[in-house]
Amino acid sequence: MGRADWVLLLATVAWGATFVLVQDAIAIMPPFTFIGVRFIAAAILIAPLVLRQHVAWRSPKLWWAGASVGIWLSLGYILQTFGLLYTSAARAGFITGLSVLF
């Protein structure tokens, strides 16, 4: 296997492991709390990279596009996290993996 194959395998394992980690996390805290902590941590980690970019931050079109993408992404995370309350991590991963077919 080449380097690209190993990186793809690592990405797949990391993606699959998140379902188990999220299920464990929502067993000890409410789903909305977990999602909030997850998004705040991600924002803190990515903020330095974003702020170094020279982007037209004042463009209303850019803000609306970002808000639209953010809303749909957040909705997906919320539904998936609540879904893990009612099914196994393996089933959730399988169903999510099937999303490319639809």
N, C-alpha and C. Protein backbone atom coordinates (compact mmCIF):
# COMPACT_ATOMS: atom_id res chain seq x y z
N MET A 1 0.84 -1.19 0.00
CA MET A 1 0.00 0.00 0.00
C MET A 1 0.87 1.24 0.00
N GLY A 2 0.46 2.21 -0.81
CA GLY A 2 1.19 3.47 -0.88
C GLY A 2 0.78 4.43 0.23
N ARG A 3 1.45 5.57 0.25
CA ARG A 3 1.17 6.57 1.29
C ARG A 3 -0.28 7.06 1.22
N ALA A 4 -0.78 7.29 0.02
CA ALA A 4 -2.16 7.77 -0.14
C ALA A 4 -3.16 6.76 0.41
N ASP A 5 -2.89 5.48 0.21
CA ASP A 5 -3.78 4.44 0.74
C ASP A 5 -3.79 4.46 2.26
N TRP A 6 -2.63 4.64 2.87
CA TRP A 6 -2.55 4.69 4.33
C TRP A 6 -3.27 5.91 4.90
N VAL A 7 -3.12 7.03 4.23
CA VAL A 7 -3.80 8.25 4.68
C VAL A 7 -5.31 8.09 4.56
N LEU A 8 -5.76 7.48 3.47
CA LEU A 8 -7.19 7.22 3.29
C LEU A 8 -7.71 6.26 4.36
N LEU A 9 -6.93 5.24 4.67
CA LEU A 9 -7.31 4.29 5.72
C LEU A 9 -7.38 4.99 7.07
N LEU A 10 -6.41 5.83 7.37
CA LEU A 10 -6.40 6.57 8.62
C LEU A 10 -7.61 7.50 8.73
N ALA A 11 -7.94 8.19 7.64
CA ALA A 11 -9.11 9.08 7.64
C ALA A 11 -10.39 8.29 7.87
N THR A 12 -10.49 7.11 7.28
CA THR A 12 -11.67 6.27 7.45
C THR A 12 -11.80 5.78 8.88
N VAL A 13 -10.70 5.36 9.47
CA VAL A 13 -10.70 4.90 10.87
C VAL A 13 -11.07 6.05 11.80
N ALA A 14 -10.51 7.22 11.57
CA ALA A 14 -10.82 8.39 12.41
C ALA A 14 -12.29 8.75 12.29
N TRP A 15 -12.83 8.76 11.07
CA TRP A 15 -14.24 9.07 10.85
C TRP A 15 -15.12 8.05 11.55
N GLY A 16 -14.81 6.78 11.40
CA GLY A 16 -15.61 5.73 12.03
C GLY A 16 -15.55 5.77 13.55
N ALA A 17 -14.39 6.13 14.09
CA ALA A 17 -14.23 6.17 15.55
C ALA A 17 -15.04 7.29 16.18
N THR A 18 -15.33 8.34 15.42
CA THR A 18 -16.08 9.46 16.00
C THR A 18 -17.47 9.04 16.44
N PHE A 19 -18.07 8.08 15.78
CA PHE A 19 -19.41 7.64 16.17
C PHE A 19 -19.39 7.02 17.57
N VAL A 20 -18.38 6.23 17.85
CA VAL A 20 -18.25 5.62 19.18
C VAL A 20 -17.95 6.70 20.21
N LEU A 21 -17.06 7.62 19.89
CA LEU A 21 -16.71 8.69 20.82
C LEU A 21 -17.90 9.60 21.12
N VAL A 22 -18.67 9.93 20.10
CA VAL A 22 -19.84 10.77 20.31
C VAL A 22 -20.87 10.04 21.16
N GLN A 23 -21.07 8.77 20.89
CA GLN A 23 -22.04 8.00 21.67
C GLN A 23 -21.62 7.93 23.14
N ASP A 24 -20.34 7.75 23.39
CA ASP A 24 -19.85 7.75 24.78
C ASP A 24 -20.03 9.13 25.42
N ALA A 25 -19.79 10.18 24.66
CA ALA A 25 -19.89 11.54 25.21
C ALA A 25 -21.33 11.89 25.56
N ILE A 26 -22.29 11.52 24.71
CA ILE A 26 -23.68 11.88 25.01
C ILE A 26 -24.28 10.99 26.08
N ALA A 27 -23.55 9.97 26.49
CA ALA A 27 -23.99 9.16 27.63
C ALA A 27 -23.73 9.90 28.95
N ILE A 28 -22.79 10.85 28.93
CA ILE A 28 -22.45 11.57 30.17
C ILE A 28 -22.86 13.04 30.15
N MET A 29 -23.29 13.56 28.99
CA MET A 29 -23.76 14.95 28.93
C MET A 29 -24.87 15.05 27.90
N PRO A 30 -25.73 16.04 28.04
CA PRO A 30 -26.82 16.21 27.07
C PRO A 30 -26.28 16.47 25.66
N PRO A 31 -27.00 15.99 24.65
CA PRO A 31 -26.52 16.15 23.27
C PRO A 31 -26.25 17.60 22.86
N PHE A 32 -27.14 18.54 23.22
CA PHE A 32 -26.90 19.93 22.82
C PHE A 32 -25.67 20.51 23.51
N THR A 33 -25.42 20.10 24.74
CA THR A 33 -24.22 20.55 25.45
C THR A 33 -22.98 20.03 24.73
N PHE A 34 -23.01 18.75 24.38
CA PHE A 34 -21.87 18.16 23.68
C PHE A 34 -21.63 18.85 22.34
N ILE A 35 -22.70 19.09 21.58
CA ILE A 35 -22.55 19.74 20.28
C ILE A 35 -21.99 21.15 20.45
N GLY A 36 -22.47 21.86 21.46
CA GLY A 36 -21.96 23.20 21.73
C GLY A 36 -20.49 23.20 22.07
N VAL A 37 -20.08 22.28 22.94
CA VAL A 37 -18.67 22.17 23.31
C VAL A 37 -17.83 21.81 22.08
N ARG A 38 -18.34 20.91 21.27
CA ARG A 38 -17.62 20.46 20.08
C ARG A 38 -17.41 21.61 19.09
N PHE A 39 -18.46 22.38 18.85
CA PHE A 39 -18.35 23.49 17.90
C PHE A 39 -17.50 24.63 18.45
N ILE A 40 -17.60 24.91 19.74
CA ILE A 40 -16.77 25.97 20.33
C ILE A 40 -15.30 25.57 20.27
N ALA A 41 -14.99 24.32 20.59
CA ALA A 41 -13.60 23.85 20.52
C ALA A 41 -13.08 23.95 19.08
N ALA A 42 -13.91 23.55 18.12
CA ALA A 42 -13.49 23.63 16.71
C ALA A 42 -13.26 25.08 16.30
N ALA A 43 -14.14 25.98 16.74
CA ALA A 43 -13.99 27.40 16.39
C ALA A 43 -12.70 27.98 16.97
N ILE A 44 -12.38 27.60 18.20
CA ILE A 44 -11.15 28.09 18.83
C ILE A 44 -9.92 27.57 18.09
N LEU A 45 -9.97 26.32 17.68
CA LEU A 45 -8.82 25.73 16.98
C LEU A 45 -8.63 26.29 15.58
N ILE A 46 -9.72 26.57 14.89
CA ILE A 46 -9.60 27.01 13.50
C ILE A 46 -9.51 28.54 13.36
N ALA A 47 -9.89 29.28 14.39
CA ALA A 47 -9.88 30.75 14.31
C ALA A 47 -8.54 31.34 13.88
N PRO A 48 -7.41 30.90 14.44
CA PRO A 48 -6.14 31.48 14.00
C PRO A 48 -5.86 31.28 12.51
N LEU A 49 -6.26 30.14 11.97
CA LEU A 49 -6.04 29.89 10.54
C LEU A 49 -6.93 30.78 9.69
N VAL A 50 -8.17 30.95 10.10
CA VAL A 50 -9.11 31.76 9.33
C VAL A 50 -8.74 33.23 9.39
N LEU A 51 -8.35 33.70 10.56
CA LEU A 51 -8.04 35.12 10.72
C LEU A 51 -6.79 35.54 9.96
N ARG A 52 -5.91 34.59 9.65
CA ARG A 52 -4.71 34.92 8.87
C ARG A 52 -5.02 35.10 7.39
N GLN A 53 -6.16 34.60 6.94
CA GLN A 53 -6.54 34.71 5.53
C GLN A 53 -7.02 36.13 5.25
N HIS A 54 -6.77 36.59 4.05
CA HIS A 54 -7.24 37.91 3.65
C HIS A 54 -8.50 37.74 2.80
N VAL A 55 -9.63 37.70 3.51
CA VAL A 55 -10.92 37.49 2.85
C VAL A 55 -11.79 38.72 3.08
N ALA A 56 -12.64 39.00 2.14
CA ALA A 56 -13.55 40.15 2.26
C ALA A 56 -14.65 39.81 3.29
N TRP A 57 -14.34 39.99 4.57
CA TRP A 57 -15.26 39.61 5.64
C TRP A 57 -16.52 40.46 5.67
N ARG A 58 -16.49 41.61 5.06
CA ARG A 58 -17.64 42.50 5.14
C ARG A 58 -18.67 42.23 4.05
N SER A 59 -18.41 41.31 3.20
CA SER A 59 -19.33 41.01 2.10
C SER A 59 -20.58 40.31 2.63
N PRO A 60 -21.75 40.93 2.48
CA PRO A 60 -22.99 40.28 2.94
C PRO A 60 -23.25 38.95 2.24
N LYS A 61 -22.86 38.88 0.98
CA LYS A 61 -23.06 37.63 0.23
C LYS A 61 -22.26 36.50 0.87
N LEU A 62 -21.04 36.79 1.29
CA LEU A 62 -20.20 35.79 1.95
C LEU A 62 -20.80 35.36 3.28
N TRP A 63 -21.31 36.32 4.06
CA TRP A 63 -21.93 36.00 5.35
C TRP A 63 -23.16 35.12 5.17
N TRP A 64 -24.01 35.45 4.19
CA TRP A 64 -25.21 34.64 3.95
C TRP A 64 -24.85 33.23 3.48
N ALA A 65 -23.86 33.13 2.63
CA ALA A 65 -23.44 31.81 2.16
C ALA A 65 -22.88 30.98 3.32
N GLY A 66 -22.05 31.60 4.15
CA GLY A 66 -21.50 30.90 5.30
C GLY A 66 -22.56 30.50 6.30
N ALA A 67 -23.52 31.39 6.54
CA ALA A 67 -24.60 31.08 7.47
C ALA A 67 -25.46 29.93 6.95
N SER A 68 -25.72 29.93 5.66
CA SER A 68 -26.52 28.86 5.06
C SER A 68 -25.83 27.51 5.21
N VAL A 69 -24.57 27.46 4.87
CA VAL A 69 -23.81 26.21 5.01
C VAL A 69 -23.74 25.80 6.47
N GLY A 70 -23.52 26.76 7.36
CA GLY A 70 -23.43 26.47 8.79
C GLY A 70 -24.72 25.91 9.36
N ILE A 71 -25.84 26.46 8.93
CA ILE A 71 -27.14 25.97 9.42
C ILE A 71 -27.36 24.52 8.99
N TRP A 72 -27.12 24.22 7.73
CA TRP A 72 -27.33 22.85 7.26
C TRP A 72 -26.36 21.87 7.91
N LEU A 73 -25.11 22.28 8.07
CA LEU A 73 -24.12 21.43 8.73
C LEU A 73 -24.50 21.19 10.18
N SER A 74 -24.92 22.24 10.87
CA SER A 74 -25.33 22.11 12.27
C SER A 74 -26.53 21.19 12.40
N LEU A 75 -27.49 21.34 11.51
CA LEU A 75 -28.67 20.48 11.54
C LEU A 75 -28.27 19.02 11.36
N GLY A 76 -27.35 18.76 10.46
CA GLY A 76 -26.87 17.39 10.27
C GLY A 76 -26.21 16.83 11.52
N TYR A 77 -25.35 17.63 12.16
CA TYR A 77 -24.71 17.18 13.40
C TYR A 77 -25.72 16.95 14.51
N ILE A 78 -26.70 17.84 14.63
CA ILE A 78 -27.71 17.70 15.67
C ILE A 78 -28.51 16.42 15.47
N LEU A 79 -29.00 16.20 14.26
CA LEU A 79 -29.79 15.00 13.99
C LEU A 79 -28.98 13.73 14.18
N GLN A 80 -27.75 13.75 13.74
CA GLN A 80 -26.90 12.58 13.88
C GLN A 80 -26.60 12.29 15.35
N THR A 81 -26.35 13.33 16.13
CA THR A 81 -26.04 13.15 17.55
C THR A 81 -27.26 12.62 18.29
N PHE A 82 -28.43 13.19 18.03
CA PHE A 82 -29.63 12.68 18.67
C PHE A 82 -29.96 11.26 18.20
N GLY A 83 -29.66 10.96 16.95
CA GLY A 83 -29.86 9.61 16.44
C GLY A 83 -29.04 8.57 17.19
N LEU A 84 -27.86 8.97 17.65
CA LEU A 84 -27.01 8.05 18.41
C LEU A 84 -27.59 7.70 19.77
N LEU A 85 -28.59 8.46 20.22
CA LEU A 85 -29.28 8.10 21.47
C LEU A 85 -30.15 6.86 21.27
N TYR A 86 -30.54 6.60 20.03
CA TYR A 86 -31.52 5.55 19.75
C TYR A 86 -30.99 4.38 18.94
N THR A 87 -29.74 4.42 18.53
CA THR A 87 -29.19 3.31 17.75
C THR A 87 -27.72 3.14 18.09
N SER A 88 -27.13 2.11 17.54
CA SER A 88 -25.71 1.84 17.82
C SER A 88 -24.82 2.72 16.94
N ALA A 89 -23.58 2.84 17.36
CA ALA A 89 -22.60 3.62 16.59
C ALA A 89 -22.37 2.98 15.23
N ALA A 90 -22.39 1.65 15.17
CA ALA A 90 -22.18 0.95 13.90
C ALA A 90 -23.30 1.26 12.92
N ARG A 91 -24.54 1.22 13.39
CA ARG A 91 -25.67 1.53 12.50
C ARG A 91 -25.63 2.99 12.05
N ALA A 92 -25.31 3.88 12.96
CA ALA A 92 -25.24 5.30 12.61
C ALA A 92 -24.17 5.54 11.55
N GLY A 93 -23.02 4.93 11.71
CA GLY A 93 -21.95 5.06 10.73
C GLY A 93 -22.35 4.50 9.38
N PHE A 94 -23.04 3.36 9.40
CA PHE A 94 -23.49 2.73 8.16
C PHE A 94 -24.50 3.62 7.44
N ILE A 95 -25.48 4.13 8.19
CA ILE A 95 -26.50 4.99 7.59
C ILE A 95 -25.87 6.27 7.05
N THR A 96 -24.96 6.86 7.80
CA THR A 96 -24.29 8.08 7.34
C THR A 96 -23.46 7.79 6.10
N GLY A 97 -22.80 6.66 6.07
CA GLY A 97 -22.02 6.28 4.91
C GLY A 97 -22.87 6.11 3.66
N LEU A 98 -24.12 5.71 3.84
CA LEU A 98 -25.03 5.55 2.71
C LEU A 98 -25.51 6.88 2.14
N SER A 99 -25.28 7.97 2.86
CA SER A 99 -25.81 9.27 2.42
C SER A 99 -25.30 9.67 1.04
N VAL A 100 -24.16 9.18 0.63
CA VAL A 100 -23.64 9.54 -0.70
C VAL A 100 -24.49 8.95 -1.81
N LEU A 101 -25.28 7.94 -1.50
CA LEU A 101 -26.15 7.34 -2.50
C LEU A 101 -27.42 8.15 -2.74
N PHE A 102 -27.72 9.03 -1.81
CA PHE A 102 -28.97 9.80 -1.91
C PHE A 102 -28.62 11.19 -2.27
